[in-house]
Amino acid sequence: MKDYLVKALAFDGQVRAYASDTTQTVNEAQRKHYTWPTASAALGRTMTAGVMMGAMMKGEEKITIKLEGGGPVGVILVDANSKGEVRGYVTNPQTHFDLNEQGKLDVRRAVGTEGMLTVVKDVGLREHFSGQTPIVSGEIGDDFTYYFAASEQLPSSVGVGVLVNPDNSILAAGGFIIQIMPGAEEEVISLIEEKITNMTPISKLIEKGMTPEEILFYILGKENVKILETMPVSFECTCSKERFGDALIGLGKEEIQAMIDEDGQAEAQCHFCNEKYVFTKDELEQMKEEANSSLN
């Protein structure tokens, strides 16, 4: 079954909720970057949170998430949009440790706890909206929970999880975001808090075959949930040879000439999907002309 996410309201609009199955999407990221298990979990959790936050956007709006905790995995960068499309990479994809004391992948150790979570929203205006909060746990779900409370003043619970197969492929990945709207009743809040505190880990629910709808029913009670929208989720990169070409032209004719003199060609690689683009000498000569004419 293909990955997808759902948007919902619960308890007559007192709660806004999202849930997603991102197993194939995270598997695609694992395959493109050849991430080892702990790095896969860190990147997959961040991408899962990112795709649900992207679904909170409208139209052509986009969101960029940067997680920099000072740990061995390095920077995690994720882009997502309002259409369920997400891409991401991690600086050191071949990062892995023994399981932690709870018998789980040691994401906290990989990510680190000395740094910041940064969220930048591009809503089509000249100025982007940016929010930044300290990393409080390195487990990622807790860090996004803190971000929503501190930066957006929206009490939320974020659960994200990834299970990895022995061959490094992804067994299960997914998550949920539950947000309490202003004016919500105390008993509704208490009910949700108790359920989330005692629930089975989200990755285990995905592994069992639970759908995003069923995850929300499990947390909030089926009778309380109204599904608003279902959206496909996928790993999609926006890179192209044309975009890299424009970037090379922007370097100017001297830089392009240096590439011709040194290597006779140029090669560019996308961080997000690892796609490589080669520019021949003839292409570089043409780009040098374009760079020159843009100055005149």
Protein backbone atom coordinates (compact mmCIF):
# COMPACT_ATOMS: atom_id res chain seq x y z
CA MET A 1 0.00 0.00 0.00
CA LYS A 2 1.28 3.45 -0.89
CA ASP A 3 2.17 5.98 1.79
CA TYR A 4 -0.39 8.58 2.74
CA LEU A 5 -1.45 10.94 5.51
CA VAL A 6 -4.78 12.02 6.91
CA LYS A 7 -5.98 15.31 8.37
CA ALA A 8 -8.75 15.21 10.94
CA LEU A 9 -10.65 17.07 13.62
CA ALA A 10 -11.74 15.48 16.88
CA PHE A 11 -14.03 16.25 19.82
CA ASP A 12 -16.09 18.73 17.77
CA GLY A 13 -13.10 20.79 16.65
CA GLN A 14 -11.32 20.92 20.02
CA VAL A 15 -8.48 18.85 18.55
CA ARG A 16 -6.67 18.95 15.20
CA ALA A 17 -4.90 15.75 14.20
CA TYR A 18 -2.61 14.32 11.54
CA ALA A 19 -1.32 10.79 11.04
CA SER A 20 0.88 9.28 8.35
CA ASP A 21 2.40 6.08 7.04
CA THR A 22 5.78 7.01 5.55
CA THR A 23 7.36 3.55 5.22
CA GLN A 24 8.02 3.65 1.47
CA THR A 25 9.03 7.32 1.56
CA VAL A 26 11.66 6.75 4.25
CA ASN A 27 12.75 3.58 2.44
CA GLU A 28 13.37 5.68 -0.68
CA ALA A 29 15.51 8.09 1.36
CA GLN A 30 17.41 5.13 2.84
CA ARG A 31 18.03 3.73 -0.63
CA LYS A 32 19.16 7.06 -2.12
CA HIS A 33 21.54 7.91 0.74
CA TYR A 34 22.45 4.38 1.88
CA THR A 35 21.76 5.35 5.48
CA TRP A 36 22.64 2.94 8.28
CA PRO A 37 19.91 2.09 10.85
CA THR A 38 20.40 4.85 13.43
CA ALA A 39 20.79 7.50 10.74
CA SER A 40 17.73 6.06 8.96
CA ALA A 41 15.68 6.45 12.13
CA ALA A 42 16.85 10.04 12.67
CA LEU A 43 16.22 11.09 9.06
CA GLY A 44 12.98 9.12 8.81
CA ARG A 45 11.53 10.60 11.98
CA THR A 46 12.37 14.13 10.82
CA MET A 47 10.92 13.52 7.34
CA THR A 48 7.74 12.09 8.88
CA ALA A 49 7.26 15.15 11.09
CA GLY A 50 8.13 17.34 8.12
CA VAL A 51 5.57 15.85 5.74
CA MET A 52 2.79 16.32 8.31
CA MET A 53 3.88 19.91 8.98
CA GLY A 54 3.96 20.47 5.21
CA ALA A 55 0.36 19.30 5.08
CA MET A 56 -0.50 22.19 7.40
CA MET A 57 0.57 24.60 4.62
CA LYS A 58 -1.56 25.79 1.70
CA GLY A 59 -1.13 26.04 -2.09
CA GLU A 60 2.50 26.48 -3.11
CA GLU A 61 3.74 27.08 0.44
CA LYS A 62 6.78 25.09 1.62
CA ILE A 63 8.55 24.28 4.84
CA THR A 64 12.22 23.60 5.57
CA ILE A 65 13.36 21.88 8.75
CA LYS A 66 16.93 21.89 10.02
CA LEU A 67 17.87 19.71 12.97
CA GLU A 68 21.37 20.37 14.27
CA GLY A 69 22.06 18.73 17.61
CA GLY A 70 25.85 18.49 17.54
CA GLY A 71 25.81 14.68 17.35
CA PRO A 72 27.73 12.36 15.00
CA VAL A 73 24.93 12.19 12.42
CA GLY A 74 25.45 15.90 11.70
CA VAL A 75 22.79 18.18 10.25
CA ILE A 76 19.44 16.76 9.16
CA LEU A 77 17.69 18.85 6.51
CA VAL A 78 14.14 18.24 5.29
CA ASP A 79 11.94 20.07 2.76
CA ALA A 80 8.18 19.46 2.50
CA ASN A 81 5.20 21.06 0.79
CA SER A 82 1.42 21.12 1.08
CA LYS A 83 1.03 18.25 -1.43
CA GLY A 84 2.57 15.48 0.69
CA GLU A 85 5.94 15.69 -1.08
CA VAL A 86 9.05 15.53 1.07
CA ARG A 87 12.80 15.18 0.63
CA GLY A 88 15.65 15.04 3.10
CA TYR A 89 19.24 14.18 3.81
CA VAL A 90 21.61 13.75 6.70
CA THR A 91 25.26 14.88 6.74
CA ASN A 92 26.69 11.54 7.88
CA PRO A 93 24.37 8.80 6.55
CA GLN A 94 26.61 5.92 7.66
CA THR A 95 26.01 6.52 11.37
CA HIS A 96 24.97 3.63 13.60
CA PHE A 97 25.25 2.62 17.27
CA ASP A 98 24.27 -0.31 19.43
CA LEU A 99 20.68 -0.24 20.71
CA ASN A 100 20.00 1.94 23.76
CA GLU A 101 18.90 0.73 27.21
CA GLN A 102 15.29 0.49 26.00
CA GLY A 103 16.37 -1.80 23.17
CA LYS A 104 15.70 0.88 20.56
CA LEU A 105 17.84 2.63 17.96
CA ASP A 106 19.92 5.26 19.78
CA VAL A 107 18.69 8.30 17.87
CA ARG A 108 19.42 10.64 20.78
CA ARG A 109 23.11 9.72 20.69
CA ALA A 110 23.26 10.17 16.92
CA VAL A 111 21.44 13.52 16.84
CA GLY A 112 22.90 15.05 20.01
CA THR A 113 21.24 17.46 22.42
CA GLU A 114 23.41 20.55 22.05
CA GLY A 115 21.78 22.54 19.29
CA MET A 116 18.66 23.85 17.66
CA LEU A 117 15.59 22.82 15.68
CA THR A 118 14.85 25.44 13.02
CA VAL A 119 11.65 25.62 10.98
CA VAL A 120 11.41 28.02 8.03
CA LYS A 121 8.04 28.55 6.31
CA ASP A 122 7.93 29.91 2.77
CA VAL A 123 4.40 31.25 2.28
CA GLY A 124 5.16 33.11 -0.95
CA LEU A 125 6.04 36.44 0.63
CA ARG A 126 9.43 38.15 0.41
CA GLU A 127 10.13 37.44 4.08
CA HIS A 128 10.05 33.84 5.29
CA PHE A 129 8.66 32.94 8.72
CA SER A 130 11.27 31.30 10.92
CA GLY A 131 11.01 29.62 14.31
CA GLN A 132 13.83 28.12 16.36
CA THR A 133 13.87 26.15 19.59
CA PRO A 134 16.57 24.26 21.51
CA ILE A 135 16.76 20.51 21.07
CA VAL A 136 15.37 19.10 24.31
CA SER A 137 15.78 15.34 23.87
CA GLY A 138 17.36 14.37 20.55
CA GLU A 139 14.63 11.75 20.10
CA ILE A 140 13.00 14.13 17.57
CA GLY A 141 9.32 13.60 18.47
CA ASP A 142 9.81 15.38 21.79
CA ASP A 143 11.79 18.11 20.04
CA PHE A 144 8.93 18.86 17.64
CA THR A 145 6.46 18.74 20.54
CA TYR A 146 8.55 21.41 22.30
CA TYR A 147 8.82 23.44 19.07
CA PHE A 148 5.04 23.67 18.68
CA ALA A 149 4.56 24.70 22.32
CA ALA A 150 7.40 27.23 22.46
CA SER A 151 7.49 28.68 18.94
CA GLU A 152 3.87 28.40 17.78
CA GLN A 153 2.16 28.45 21.20
CA LEU A 154 0.14 25.40 20.16
CA PRO A 155 0.06 22.53 22.69
CA SER A 156 0.84 19.44 20.61
CA SER A 157 2.00 15.87 20.87
CA VAL A 158 4.27 14.61 18.11
CA GLY A 159 4.98 10.90 17.75
CA VAL A 160 7.32 9.65 15.02
CA GLY A 161 8.95 6.25 14.62
CA VAL A 162 11.03 4.11 12.27
CA LEU A 163 11.77 0.37 12.37
CA VAL A 164 14.69 -0.92 10.29
CA ASN A 165 15.13 -4.41 8.78
CA PRO A 166 18.40 -6.38 9.16
CA ASP A 167 19.25 -5.53 5.52
CA ASN A 168 18.96 -1.77 6.34
CA SER A 169 15.66 -1.36 4.46
CA ILE A 170 12.73 0.22 6.30
CA LEU A 171 10.24 -2.14 7.96
CA ALA A 172 7.82 0.55 9.18
CA ALA A 173 7.74 4.34 9.50
CA GLY A 174 5.04 6.82 10.40
CA GLY A 175 3.79 9.32 12.91
CA PHE A 176 1.07 11.51 14.32
CA ILE A 177 0.60 15.10 15.43
CA ILE A 178 -2.22 15.86 17.87
CA GLN A 179 -2.88 19.56 18.50
CA ILE A 180 -5.08 21.04 21.20
CA MET A 181 -7.12 24.01 19.99
CA PRO A 182 -7.77 27.07 22.21
CA GLY A 183 -10.71 26.52 24.53
CA ALA A 184 -10.46 22.72 24.61
CA GLU A 185 -12.05 21.10 27.66
CA GLU A 186 -9.75 19.85 30.42
CA GLU A 187 -11.26 16.36 30.37
CA VAL A 188 -10.54 16.05 26.64
CA ILE A 189 -6.91 17.10 27.23
CA SER A 190 -6.53 14.63 30.13
CA LEU A 191 -8.04 11.80 28.07
CA ILE A 192 -5.57 12.37 25.22
CA GLU A 193 -2.58 12.78 27.53
CA GLU A 194 -3.35 9.48 29.27
CA LYS A 195 -3.79 7.61 25.97
CA ILE A 196 -0.55 8.94 24.47
CA THR A 197 1.42 8.23 27.67
CA ASN A 198 0.37 4.56 27.64
CA MET A 199 0.14 3.86 23.91
CA THR A 200 2.12 1.32 21.87
CA PRO A 201 5.01 3.00 19.95
CA ILE A 202 3.83 4.43 16.65
CA SER A 203 6.30 2.39 14.57
CA LYS A 204 4.90 -0.83 16.11
CA LEU A 205 1.36 0.22 15.17
CA ILE A 206 2.47 0.79 11.57
CA GLU A 207 4.26 -2.58 11.58
CA LYS A 208 1.02 -4.25 12.69
CA GLY A 209 -0.66 -2.79 9.61
CA MET A 210 -2.59 0.05 11.20
CA THR A 211 -3.65 2.74 8.75
CA PRO A 212 -3.28 6.47 9.52
CA GLU A 213 -7.04 6.61 10.14
CA GLU A 214 -6.87 3.68 12.56
CA ILE A 215 -3.98 5.34 14.42
CA LEU A 216 -6.13 8.41 15.07
CA PHE A 217 -9.08 6.22 16.08
CA TYR A 218 -6.74 4.35 18.46
CA ILE A 219 -5.52 7.58 20.11
CA LEU A 220 -8.69 9.69 20.07
CA GLY A 221 -11.54 7.17 19.86
CA LYS A 222 -13.25 6.43 16.53
CA GLU A 223 -16.50 8.08 17.61
CA ASN A 224 -14.66 11.36 18.28
CA VAL A 225 -12.76 11.65 14.97
CA LYS A 226 -13.85 13.32 11.74
CA ILE A 227 -11.48 12.64 8.82
CA LEU A 228 -11.17 15.78 6.66
CA GLU A 229 -8.69 14.83 3.95
CA THR A 230 -6.46 12.03 2.71
CA MET A 231 -3.24 12.85 0.85
CA PRO A 232 -0.56 10.68 -0.83
CA VAL A 233 2.96 10.97 0.60
CA SER A 234 6.15 10.49 -1.42
CA PHE A 235 9.84 11.30 -1.63
CA GLU A 236 10.07 13.97 -4.34
CA CYS A 237 13.10 16.06 -5.24
CA THR A 238 12.84 19.36 -7.09
CA CYS A 239 16.38 19.31 -8.48
CA SER A 240 17.05 19.40 -12.24
CA LYS A 241 19.94 19.91 -14.62
CA GLU A 242 18.44 23.27 -15.59
CA ARG A 243 18.45 24.48 -11.96
CA PHE A 244 22.08 23.46 -11.47
CA GLY A 245 22.90 25.11 -14.81
CA ASP A 246 21.36 28.38 -13.65
CA ALA A 247 23.44 28.16 -10.46
CA LEU A 248 26.63 27.65 -12.49
CA ILE A 249 25.80 30.62 -14.72
CA GLY A 250 25.37 32.65 -11.54
CA LEU A 251 29.00 31.92 -10.61
CA GLY A 252 30.18 34.08 -13.54
CA LYS A 253 32.28 33.52 -16.65
CA GLU A 254 35.64 33.37 -14.85
CA GLU A 255 34.53 30.49 -12.64
CA ILE A 256 33.07 28.63 -15.61
CA GLN A 257 36.28 29.16 -17.62
CA ALA A 258 38.27 27.74 -14.70
CA MET A 259 36.12 24.58 -14.81
CA ILE A 260 36.75 24.26 -18.55
CA ASP A 261 40.52 24.74 -18.10
CA GLU A 262 40.86 22.37 -15.14
CA ASP A 263 38.51 19.50 -15.93
CA GLY A 264 36.96 20.15 -19.33
CA GLN A 265 33.58 19.53 -17.72
CA ALA A 266 31.63 20.08 -14.50
CA GLU A 267 29.70 17.72 -12.27
CA ALA A 268 27.03 18.71 -9.76
CA GLN A 269 25.32 16.46 -7.23
CA CYS A 270 22.07 17.08 -5.37
CA HIS A 271 22.36 16.70 -1.57
CA PHE A 272 18.72 15.68 -1.27
CA CYS A 273 18.54 12.81 -3.78
CA ASN A 274 22.19 12.19 -4.78
CA GLU A 275 21.36 12.65 -8.47
CA LYS A 276 24.44 13.66 -10.49
CA TYR A 277 24.42 16.10 -13.40
CA VAL A 278 27.36 16.36 -15.82
CA PHE A 279 27.96 19.46 -17.93
CA THR A 280 30.16 18.95 -21.00
CA LYS A 281 32.75 21.42 -22.27
CA ASP A 282 30.34 22.59 -25.00
CA GLU A 283 27.60 23.15 -22.42
CA LEU A 284 29.99 25.09 -20.22
CA GLU A 285 31.08 27.25 -23.15
CA GLN A 286 27.43 28.08 -23.84
CA MET A 287 26.83 28.85 -20.17
CA LYS A 288 29.89 31.09 -20.13
CA GLU A 289 28.34 33.08 -23.01
CA GLU A 290 25.07 33.39 -21.06
CA ALA A 291 26.96 34.55 -17.97
CA ASN A 292 28.81 37.10 -20.08
CA SER A 293 25.69 38.41 -21.83
CA SER A 294 23.88 38.80 -18.52
CA LEU A 295 26.54 41.31 -17.50
CA ASN A 296 26.06 43.42 -20.62
